[in-house]
Amino acid sequence: MADDTFTLTLDKPVAGGRSLARLDGRIVLVSGGIPGERVRAVMERTGKGVAFARVVEVEDASPDRITPESDPQCGGQVFAHVAYARQLELKRAIVEDALGRIGRLHDLPPITATGSPRQHWRLRARLHVQGMHVGFFREGTHALCDAGPSGQLVPGLLELAEATLTHLRPDLARSVEAIVVSQTVRGDQQAVHLELSRPLPRHGEVWVSGPPAACTGVSAGLVSSRHPSVLAGFPWVKESLAALGVPTAGEAGLMRHAAAFFQGNRALLPELVTAVTGAVPADTPVVDLYAGVGLFGLAAATLGASSVTCVEGDAVSAEDLVTNALPYGDRVRAVRGDVETFAREETQLLGDACVIVDPPRTGLSPVVSKALAAAHPRRVVYVSCDPATLARDLQGLVASGLAIDSLRVFDLFPLTAHVETVVTLTACPS
C-alpha cells in the first residue's frame, strides 16, 4: 500500500455520509466506510481542526457491507455500499447525534424510521446538461454521469428530459444548463422546466419537431427567473390529494408547476403527509409556514381544519398555492410573501395555533424563531431536511416552552446521506 495511506478505525456516522475517526488526536471524516470498520484511507483535504479522507481498502469489513449495484459516486449514492437496514440505523444515529451535540437535547422520545424502496422512487429531479447529454454530477465534481443506472428515477423521467433536449432548436438547446422533470404520484402526468444560461430568443420557433408528446407542457427561464415562460402546453401537473394520503379528498388536488419545489419520494409521500396532518389537533387553527404549493396546509384543510393560513415566498410555488387555495374559500388564506415578514407582522396569529414549518436546509431564520418563541403556539410540527439546523432550531423552541413529543425519520432519499425528520412539539402546561 502506498505511503500516503493510513489505518483508521471508524467510530460513528456524521452528516454527509462520512464516518468520524481520529488520527493522532485529529478528527478525520472518512467517506466510503461503515462505523466499526478498520480501513486504509487516503487524505483528500484538510481544514481547520478537521481532515477529510476516503477509504481505499477495507481491512476489517462490517457485516453490513455490500457491493454497490451502480457507481456510488454518481447521483448521490454515498450509502450504496451499506445494507439498507443499517442505512436507516445510521440516519437515526445522525439525527440523534445532532440533537444531543448541537441542540443539547437529551432524554428524547425514541426516533422511529420509515424506509423507502431503493428503486424508482424519485418523481422529481433536476438533471444537469452538458452538450446534448443529461445526467447527474459525480460527487464533488461537475463531471456528468449517467443517471439511469442509479435506478432512482421513476420510469419515463430520464427519457422525457433527453427527448425535450433533442426536440429543441440547437442554439436554444446549447443554452440549457439543467432540466427539471416532475411526475405525479400516480404517474399519469409529467411536466418539464428548462433552466437557461441566457434569455429566450424573442422571436422564432423553439422546437425542431414540436415538443415531446409525453408531457403536459414545457417551461423555461433563467435560474433567477421568478416567472418562467411557457414553451409548450401547460407545464403544470395536478397532484391528487387522495394519492397523497388524504382519504377524504375525493377529486381534490394540487396544481404544481414543473419548477415548483415538491417532495420527491413517490412511495413515502402519503406517509409523510399522514404523519404531519395526523399531528394537527382537532379544532385548532393551522398556520403552514414555507407552505410550497400547499401540500400540508391544504391536506389539513381537506381533513377538516376550519382555519388554515399558508405562507410561501417563492414566486412560482406561491402562485400555485393561491390557485390551490381557491376551492376552500374563507377557510384557507394563502399569503404570497416571505415568511419572515409574515412572522414579524402577524406573530399573534401563531399563538394558540398548530404551526407547520418545512423550511429550506438553512432552517428557521432568526426572525421566525423569535416569532415562534414569542407566540407560544399550541403545537409545532417541524419538517426538516437538515439535522444540524433542526437541532439548533429545536433548542430554541424547547427553551421557549415547547416539549418534544415525537421524532420520526423518513428516508426520502434512500442510498444518499440526506434525511428528512418530522418532529412534533407541544406547549408545556403553564
Protein backbone atom coordinates (compact mmCIF):
# COMPACT_ATOMS: atom_id res chain seq x y z
CA MET A 1 0.00 0.00 0.00
CA ALA A 2 1.30 3.47 -0.87
CA ASP A 3 2.99 5.53 1.83
CA ASP A 4 0.31 8.23 1.73
CA THR A 5 -2.33 5.94 3.23
CA PHE A 6 -3.01 5.26 6.89
CA THR A 7 -5.09 2.91 9.01
CA LEU A 8 -8.20 4.16 10.81
CA THR A 9 -10.96 2.64 12.91
CA LEU A 10 -14.24 4.30 12.05
CA ASP A 11 -16.26 5.45 15.04
CA LYS A 12 -19.67 6.97 14.33
CA PRO A 13 -21.67 8.34 11.39
CA VAL A 14 -21.79 12.07 10.71
CA ALA A 15 -23.92 14.22 8.43
CA GLY A 16 -22.93 13.97 4.77
CA GLY A 17 -22.49 10.19 4.82
CA ARG A 18 -18.98 10.12 6.27
CA SER A 19 -17.73 8.34 9.37
CA LEU A 20 -15.77 10.01 12.16
CA ALA A 21 -12.33 8.68 13.04
CA ARG A 22 -9.26 10.04 14.81
CA LEU A 23 -5.65 10.14 13.64
CA ASP A 24 -3.05 11.30 16.13
CA GLY A 25 -5.79 13.07 18.06
CA ARG A 26 -7.14 14.84 15.00
CA ILE A 27 -10.70 14.35 13.73
CA VAL A 28 -10.89 12.75 10.27
CA LEU A 29 -14.16 12.45 8.35
CA VAL A 30 -13.97 9.42 6.09
CA SER A 31 -16.12 8.56 3.05
CA GLY A 32 -16.77 5.05 1.79
CA GLY A 33 -16.73 3.32 5.17
CA ILE A 34 -19.12 1.99 7.80
CA PRO A 35 -18.77 2.75 11.52
CA GLY A 36 -16.94 -0.10 13.24
CA GLU A 37 -14.72 -0.93 10.25
CA ARG A 38 -10.93 -0.77 10.18
CA VAL A 39 -9.81 0.74 6.88
CA ARG A 40 -6.91 2.13 4.96
CA ALA A 41 -7.65 5.67 3.83
CA VAL A 42 -6.04 8.43 1.81
CA MET A 43 -6.28 12.12 2.67
CA GLU A 44 -8.47 14.27 0.40
CA ARG A 45 -8.09 17.67 2.05
CA THR A 46 -7.53 19.29 5.40
CA GLY A 47 -9.24 22.17 7.13
CA LYS A 48 -9.22 23.95 10.44
CA GLY A 49 -9.41 21.26 13.11
CA VAL A 50 -10.67 18.54 10.75
CA ALA A 51 -9.43 16.45 7.83
CA PHE A 52 -11.30 14.63 5.07
CA ALA A 53 -10.29 11.22 3.72
CA ARG A 54 -11.68 8.34 1.67
CA VAL A 55 -11.42 4.60 2.04
CA VAL A 56 -9.08 2.84 -0.40
CA GLU A 57 -9.02 -0.58 1.31
CA VAL A 58 -11.16 -2.30 3.93
CA GLU A 59 -9.06 -4.33 6.37
CA ASP A 60 -11.86 -5.42 8.70
CA ALA A 61 -15.23 -5.17 6.99
CA SER A 62 -18.62 -4.65 8.61
CA PRO A 63 -21.14 -7.47 8.12
CA ASP A 64 -23.36 -4.72 6.68
CA ARG A 65 -21.02 -4.02 3.76
CA ILE A 66 -22.46 -4.88 0.34
CA THR A 67 -21.35 -4.41 -3.26
CA PRO A 68 -22.97 -1.31 -4.85
CA GLU A 69 -25.23 -2.07 -7.81
CA SER A 70 -24.03 1.02 -9.71
CA ASP A 71 -21.42 3.77 -9.47
CA PRO A 72 -21.82 5.10 -5.89
CA GLN A 73 -20.25 8.41 -6.89
CA CYS A 74 -22.98 9.15 -9.43
CA GLY A 75 -26.07 10.98 -8.28
CA GLY A 76 -25.83 10.80 -4.52
CA GLN A 77 -25.42 7.16 -3.50
CA VAL A 78 -22.88 7.53 -0.72
CA PHE A 79 -24.54 4.72 1.28
CA ALA A 80 -24.77 2.30 -1.66
CA HIS A 81 -22.15 0.07 0.00
CA VAL A 82 -24.25 -0.28 3.18
CA ALA A 83 -27.06 -2.82 3.71
CA TYR A 84 -30.35 -0.96 3.81
CA ALA A 85 -31.38 -1.76 7.39
CA ARG A 86 -28.04 -0.36 8.56
CA GLN A 87 -28.56 2.76 6.43
CA LEU A 88 -31.70 3.54 8.43
CA GLU A 89 -29.80 3.00 11.68
CA LEU A 90 -27.07 5.37 10.52
CA LYS A 91 -29.58 8.09 9.65
CA ARG A 92 -31.31 7.71 13.01
CA ALA A 93 -27.92 7.99 14.68
CA ILE A 94 -27.01 11.11 12.68
CA VAL A 95 -30.21 12.86 13.81
CA GLU A 96 -29.78 11.73 17.44
CA ASP A 97 -26.16 12.91 17.48
CA ALA A 98 -27.06 16.34 16.08
CA LEU A 99 -29.86 16.82 18.63
CA GLY A 100 -27.54 15.97 21.51
CA ARG A 101 -24.31 17.58 20.33
CA ILE A 102 -25.69 20.75 18.68
CA GLY A 103 -29.08 21.15 20.35
CA ARG A 104 -28.05 19.91 23.81
CA LEU A 105 -31.28 17.93 23.81
CA HIS A 106 -31.40 14.71 25.80
CA ASP A 107 -33.96 12.27 27.23
CA LEU A 108 -35.82 12.44 23.94
CA PRO A 109 -38.55 10.13 22.65
CA PRO A 110 -37.26 7.21 20.56
CA ILE A 111 -36.58 8.07 16.94
CA THR A 112 -38.57 5.86 14.57
CA ALA A 113 -37.58 5.39 10.94
CA THR A 114 -39.64 4.76 7.81
CA GLY A 115 -37.80 3.15 4.92
CA SER A 116 -38.22 3.52 1.18
CA PRO A 117 -37.91 1.38 -1.92
CA ARG A 118 -34.42 1.80 -3.36
CA GLN A 119 -35.54 1.73 -7.00
CA HIS A 120 -37.86 4.05 -8.96
CA TRP A 121 -38.77 6.25 -6.02
CA ARG A 122 -37.87 9.67 -7.38
CA LEU A 123 -40.70 11.53 -9.12
CA ARG A 124 -38.93 14.88 -9.40
CA ALA A 125 -35.31 15.60 -10.32
CA ARG A 126 -33.04 18.37 -11.53
CA LEU A 127 -30.75 16.90 -14.18
CA HIS A 128 -27.63 18.70 -15.38
CA VAL A 129 -26.94 19.25 -19.06
CA GLN A 130 -23.59 19.31 -20.86
CA GLY A 131 -23.75 19.48 -24.63
CA MET A 132 -26.55 17.11 -25.57
CA HIS A 133 -26.01 14.86 -22.55
CA VAL A 134 -28.27 14.78 -19.49
CA GLY A 135 -27.38 13.31 -16.10
CA PHE A 136 -26.18 13.75 -12.54
CA PHE A 137 -22.86 15.17 -11.39
CA ARG A 138 -20.34 12.82 -9.81
CA GLU A 139 -19.86 13.54 -6.12
CA GLY A 140 -17.85 16.70 -5.53
CA THR A 141 -17.33 17.41 -9.25
CA HIS A 142 -19.00 18.90 -12.30
CA ALA A 143 -18.34 15.74 -14.31
CA LEU A 144 -21.57 14.39 -15.79
CA CYS A 145 -22.54 10.76 -15.25
CA ASP A 146 -25.44 8.65 -16.48
CA ALA A 147 -28.47 8.93 -14.18
CA GLY A 148 -30.06 5.75 -15.49
CA PRO A 149 -28.03 3.02 -13.72
CA SER A 150 -28.73 4.52 -10.28
CA GLY A 151 -32.36 3.46 -10.66
CA GLN A 152 -33.59 6.46 -8.69
CA LEU A 153 -35.91 7.98 -11.27
CA VAL A 154 -39.41 6.72 -11.88
CA PRO A 155 -39.78 5.24 -15.37
CA GLY A 156 -40.03 7.81 -18.14
CA LEU A 157 -38.44 10.84 -16.46
CA LEU A 158 -34.92 10.48 -17.84
CA GLU A 159 -36.27 9.68 -21.30
CA LEU A 160 -38.51 12.77 -21.12
CA ALA A 161 -35.55 15.01 -20.27
CA GLU A 162 -33.48 13.60 -23.13
CA ALA A 163 -36.34 13.89 -25.61
CA THR A 164 -37.04 17.50 -24.63
CA LEU A 165 -33.41 18.46 -25.27
CA THR A 166 -33.26 16.79 -28.67
CA HIS A 167 -36.55 18.39 -29.77
CA LEU A 168 -35.26 21.92 -29.09
CA ARG A 169 -33.74 24.17 -31.71
CA PRO A 170 -29.95 23.53 -31.48
CA ASP A 171 -28.96 27.06 -30.45
CA LEU A 172 -31.55 27.01 -27.66
CA ALA A 173 -30.52 23.53 -26.57
CA ARG A 174 -26.98 24.82 -26.08
CA SER A 175 -28.23 27.34 -23.53
CA VAL A 176 -29.90 24.72 -21.31
CA GLU A 177 -27.95 24.22 -18.08
CA ALA A 178 -30.41 21.92 -16.29
CA ILE A 179 -33.72 20.18 -16.87
CA VAL A 180 -36.27 19.75 -14.09
CA VAL A 181 -38.62 16.84 -14.74
CA SER A 182 -41.58 16.14 -12.48
CA GLN A 183 -44.25 13.45 -12.39
CA THR A 184 -47.35 12.93 -10.26
CA VAL A 185 -47.53 10.24 -7.58
CA ARG A 186 -49.95 8.31 -9.77
CA GLY A 187 -47.62 8.67 -12.76
CA ASP A 188 -50.38 9.95 -15.02
CA GLN A 189 -48.91 13.41 -15.71
CA GLN A 190 -45.43 14.85 -16.10
CA ALA A 191 -44.02 18.27 -16.92
CA VAL A 192 -40.66 19.86 -17.78
CA HIS A 193 -38.84 23.07 -16.88
CA LEU A 194 -35.62 24.23 -18.55
CA GLU A 195 -33.04 26.32 -16.70
CA LEU A 196 -31.22 28.54 -19.20
CA SER A 197 -27.86 30.31 -19.23
CA ARG A 198 -29.21 33.15 -21.41
CA PRO A 199 -32.66 34.61 -22.10
CA LEU A 200 -35.05 33.00 -24.54
CA PRO A 201 -34.97 34.37 -28.11
CA ARG A 202 -37.68 36.96 -28.69
CA HIS A 203 -38.81 35.51 -31.99
CA GLY A 204 -38.83 32.27 -33.90
CA GLU A 205 -39.85 28.68 -33.29
CA VAL A 206 -38.07 26.99 -30.35
CA TRP A 207 -38.80 23.42 -31.46
CA VAL A 208 -37.34 21.39 -34.30
CA SER A 209 -40.21 18.92 -34.47
CA GLY A 210 -42.58 20.05 -31.76
CA PRO A 211 -42.35 19.34 -28.01
CA PRO A 212 -42.25 15.75 -26.72
CA ALA A 213 -45.70 14.22 -26.51
CA ALA A 214 -45.14 12.53 -23.16
CA CYS A 215 -45.73 15.62 -21.00
CA THR A 216 -48.39 18.20 -20.20
CA GLY A 217 -46.09 21.09 -21.08
CA VAL A 218 -42.64 22.70 -21.02
CA SER A 219 -41.50 25.97 -19.45
CA ALA A 220 -38.15 27.77 -19.48
CA GLY A 221 -36.33 30.63 -17.84
CA LEU A 222 -33.09 31.82 -16.32
CA VAL A 223 -32.20 30.22 -13.00
CA SER A 224 -33.03 33.51 -11.28
CA SER A 225 -36.33 33.95 -13.13
CA ARG A 226 -39.40 34.37 -10.92
CA HIS A 227 -41.81 33.96 -13.84
CA PRO A 228 -40.88 31.15 -16.27
CA SER A 229 -42.09 31.34 -19.87
CA VAL A 230 -44.31 28.63 -21.34
CA LEU A 231 -42.73 26.95 -24.37
CA ALA A 232 -45.42 24.35 -24.93
CA GLY A 233 -48.69 23.10 -23.48
CA PHE A 234 -49.42 23.51 -19.78
CA PRO A 235 -46.26 22.94 -17.66
CA TRP A 236 -48.22 22.05 -14.54
CA VAL A 237 -49.37 18.68 -13.19
CA LYS A 238 -52.36 18.05 -10.95
CA GLU A 239 -51.40 16.04 -7.90
CA SER A 240 -54.26 14.03 -6.40
CA LEU A 241 -54.67 14.65 -2.67
CA ALA A 242 -56.16 11.17 -2.34
CA ALA A 243 -52.93 9.73 -3.79
CA LEU A 244 -51.04 11.84 -1.24
CA GLY A 245 -52.63 10.09 1.73
CA VAL A 246 -55.76 12.21 2.24
CA PRO A 247 -58.57 9.61 2.05
CA THR A 248 -61.42 12.14 2.17
CA ALA A 249 -60.06 14.25 -0.68
CA GLY A 250 -62.20 12.87 -3.50
CA GLU A 251 -61.17 14.67 -6.69
CA ALA A 252 -59.36 17.49 -4.86
CA GLY A 253 -55.81 18.12 -5.97
CA LEU A 254 -52.80 20.41 -6.07
CA MET A 255 -51.66 22.11 -9.24
CA ARG A 256 -47.89 22.44 -9.29
CA HIS A 257 -45.60 23.96 -11.86
CA ALA A 258 -42.68 21.90 -13.10
CA ALA A 259 -40.31 24.42 -11.47
CA ALA A 260 -42.09 24.44 -8.09
CA PHE A 261 -40.49 22.60 -5.19
CA PHE A 262 -42.22 19.37 -4.21
CA GLN A 263 -41.17 16.40 -2.11
CA GLY A 264 -39.80 13.78 -4.48
CA ASN A 265 -40.30 10.31 -2.97
CA ARG A 266 -43.35 8.68 -4.55
CA ALA A 267 -43.53 5.82 -2.05
CA LEU A 268 -43.24 7.88 1.14
CA LEU A 269 -45.23 10.99 0.28
CA PRO A 270 -48.56 9.60 1.57
CA GLU A 271 -46.95 8.52 4.86
CA LEU A 272 -45.25 11.89 5.24
CA VAL A 273 -48.50 13.79 4.68
CA THR A 274 -50.33 11.49 7.08
CA ALA A 275 -47.67 12.00 9.75
CA VAL A 276 -47.87 15.79 9.51
CA THR A 277 -51.66 16.12 9.29
CA GLY A 278 -52.12 13.47 11.97
CA ALA A 279 -50.23 15.72 14.39
CA VAL A 280 -52.68 18.61 13.92
CA PRO A 281 -55.05 18.79 16.93
CA ALA A 282 -58.77 18.96 16.22
CA ASP A 283 -60.42 22.39 16.38
CA THR A 284 -57.05 24.14 16.18
CA PRO A 285 -56.19 26.86 13.63
CA VAL A 286 -53.33 25.84 11.34
CA VAL A 287 -50.53 28.10 10.12
CA ASP A 288 -48.36 26.49 7.43
CA LEU A 289 -45.07 28.38 7.01
CA TYR A 290 -42.87 27.61 3.96
CA ALA A 291 -46.04 26.08 2.53
CA GLY A 292 -44.86 25.48 -1.03
CA VAL A 293 -47.85 24.72 -3.25
CA GLY A 294 -49.91 23.87 -0.15
CA LEU A 295 -49.09 20.20 0.45
CA PHE A 296 -49.52 20.09 4.23
CA GLY A 297 -51.81 23.05 4.86
CA LEU A 298 -54.36 22.15 2.21
CA ALA A 299 -54.28 18.50 3.23
CA ALA A 300 -55.13 19.65 6.76
CA ALA A 301 -57.97 21.80 5.39
CA THR A 302 -59.33 18.87 3.40
CA LEU A 303 -59.31 16.76 6.56
CA GLY A 304 -61.48 19.32 8.35
CA ALA A 305 -59.28 22.07 9.78
CA SER A 306 -61.61 25.08 10.00
CA SER A 307 -58.97 27.77 9.59
CA VAL A 308 -55.70 27.40 7.66
CA THR A 309 -53.16 30.08 6.75
CA CYS A 310 -50.45 29.11 4.23
CA VAL A 311 -47.40 31.31 3.60
CA GLU A 312 -44.92 30.93 0.75
CA GLY A 313 -42.23 33.29 -0.55
CA ASP A 314 -41.09 31.59 -3.74
CA ALA A 315 -42.91 33.25 -6.64
CA VAL A 316 -43.59 30.08 -8.66
CA SER A 317 -44.78 27.99 -5.70
CA ALA A 318 -46.78 30.89 -4.23
CA GLU A 319 -48.72 31.35 -7.45
CA ASP A 320 -49.70 27.69 -7.36
CA LEU A 321 -50.57 27.98 -3.66
CA VAL A 322 -53.02 30.80 -4.33
CA THR A 323 -54.68 28.79 -7.11
CA ASN A 324 -54.87 25.64 -4.99
CA ALA A 325 -56.45 27.51 -2.07
CA LEU A 326 -59.35 28.95 -4.08
CA PRO A 327 -61.76 25.98 -3.70
CA TYR A 328 -61.55 26.26 0.10
CA GLY A 329 -62.99 29.75 0.21
CA ASP A 330 -62.65 31.61 3.52
CA ARG A 331 -61.35 28.54 5.35
CA VAL A 332 -57.91 28.91 3.74
CA ARG A 333 -55.87 32.09 3.46
CA ALA A 334 -52.97 31.94 1.02
CA VAL A 335 -50.24 34.50 1.70
CA ARG A 336 -47.86 35.25 -1.15
CA GLY A 337 -44.80 36.74 0.56
CA ASP A 338 -41.74 35.93 2.60
CA VAL A 339 -42.20 34.02 5.83
CA GLU A 340 -40.08 36.48 7.82
CA THR A 341 -42.36 39.44 7.08
CA PHE A 342 -45.43 37.39 7.93
CA ALA A 343 -43.95 36.12 11.20
CA ARG A 344 -42.87 39.61 12.22
CA GLU A 345 -46.19 41.27 11.42
CA GLU A 346 -48.60 38.51 12.46
CA THR A 347 -46.96 36.90 15.47
CA GLN A 348 -50.29 36.98 17.28
CA LEU A 349 -51.82 34.62 14.70
CA LEU A 350 -49.21 31.99 15.60
CA GLY A 351 -50.41 31.86 19.20
CA ASP A 352 -52.85 29.06 20.06
CA ALA A 353 -52.32 27.59 16.56
CA CYS A 354 -50.73 24.45 15.22
CA VAL A 355 -47.79 25.78 13.22
CA ILE A 356 -46.33 23.60 10.47
CA VAL A 357 -42.83 24.58 9.34
CA ASP A 358 -41.00 23.00 6.40
CA PRO A 359 -38.02 25.34 5.93
CA PRO A 360 -35.13 25.03 3.48
CA ARG A 361 -31.86 23.40 4.52
CA THR A 362 -30.82 26.59 6.34
CA GLY A 363 -33.64 26.07 8.83
CA LEU A 364 -35.67 28.77 10.52
CA SER A 365 -34.39 32.32 10.22
CA PRO A 366 -33.77 34.26 13.46
CA VAL A 367 -36.92 36.31 12.76
CA VAL A 368 -39.13 33.22 12.53
CA SER A 369 -37.51 31.55 15.53
CA LYS A 370 -38.06 34.69 17.61
CA ALA A 371 -41.70 34.96 16.48
CA LEU A 372 -42.45 31.34 17.37
CA ALA A 373 -40.80 31.72 20.77
CA ALA A 374 -42.88 34.83 21.47
CA ALA A 375 -46.15 33.39 20.20
CA HIS A 376 -46.26 30.19 22.30
CA PRO A 377 -48.16 28.12 19.69
CA ARG A 378 -50.18 25.18 20.93
CA ARG A 379 -48.19 22.82 18.73
CA VAL A 380 -45.37 22.95 16.19
CA VAL A 381 -44.84 20.29 13.53
CA TYR A 382 -41.33 20.73 12.15
CA VAL A 383 -40.42 19.03 8.86
CA SER A 384 -36.65 19.18 8.44
CA CYS A 385 -34.18 18.20 5.73
CA ASP A 386 -31.05 19.05 7.74
CA PRO A 387 -30.23 17.55 11.18
CA ALA A 388 -27.84 20.36 12.19
CA THR A 389 -30.24 23.26 11.63
CA LEU A 390 -33.07 21.16 13.07
CA ALA A 391 -31.08 20.68 16.28
CA ARG A 392 -30.32 24.40 16.51
CA ASP A 393 -33.96 25.37 15.98
CA LEU A 394 -35.35 22.75 18.37
CA GLN A 395 -33.05 24.03 21.09
CA GLY A 396 -34.70 27.45 20.82
CA LEU A 397 -38.23 26.06 20.62
CA VAL A 398 -37.74 23.88 23.69
CA ALA A 399 -36.25 26.83 25.58
CA SER A 400 -39.41 28.81 24.75
CA GLY A 401 -41.65 26.30 26.49
CA LEU A 402 -42.35 23.58 23.94
CA ALA A 403 -41.74 19.89 24.63
CA ILE A 404 -40.77 17.32 22.02
CA ASP A 405 -43.46 14.65 21.72
CA SER A 406 -42.25 12.57 18.79
CA LEU A 407 -39.35 12.22 16.37
CA ARG A 408 -39.67 10.35 13.11
CA VAL A 409 -37.16 9.86 10.30
CA PHE A 410 -38.38 9.42 6.73
CA ASP A 411 -35.84 8.08 4.25
CA LEU A 412 -36.99 10.27 1.38
CA PHE A 413 -33.61 9.91 -0.34
CA PRO A 414 -32.51 6.26 0.01
CA LEU A 415 -28.81 5.45 -0.55
CA THR A 416 -27.95 9.14 -0.05
CA ALA A 417 -26.88 10.88 3.15
CA HIS A 418 -29.98 13.10 3.18
CA VAL A 419 -32.51 12.52 5.91
CA GLU A 420 -35.97 14.01 6.47
CA THR A 421 -37.22 14.33 10.05
CA VAL A 422 -40.69 15.16 11.36
CA VAL A 423 -40.76 16.47 14.92
CA THR A 424 -43.89 17.25 16.90
CA LEU A 425 -43.67 19.73 19.81
CA THR A 426 -46.45 20.70 22.20
CA ALA A 427 -46.74 23.63 24.59
CA CYS A 428 -45.94 22.67 28.16
CA PRO A 429 -48.78 23.23 30.67
CA SER A 430 -48.34 26.60 32.35
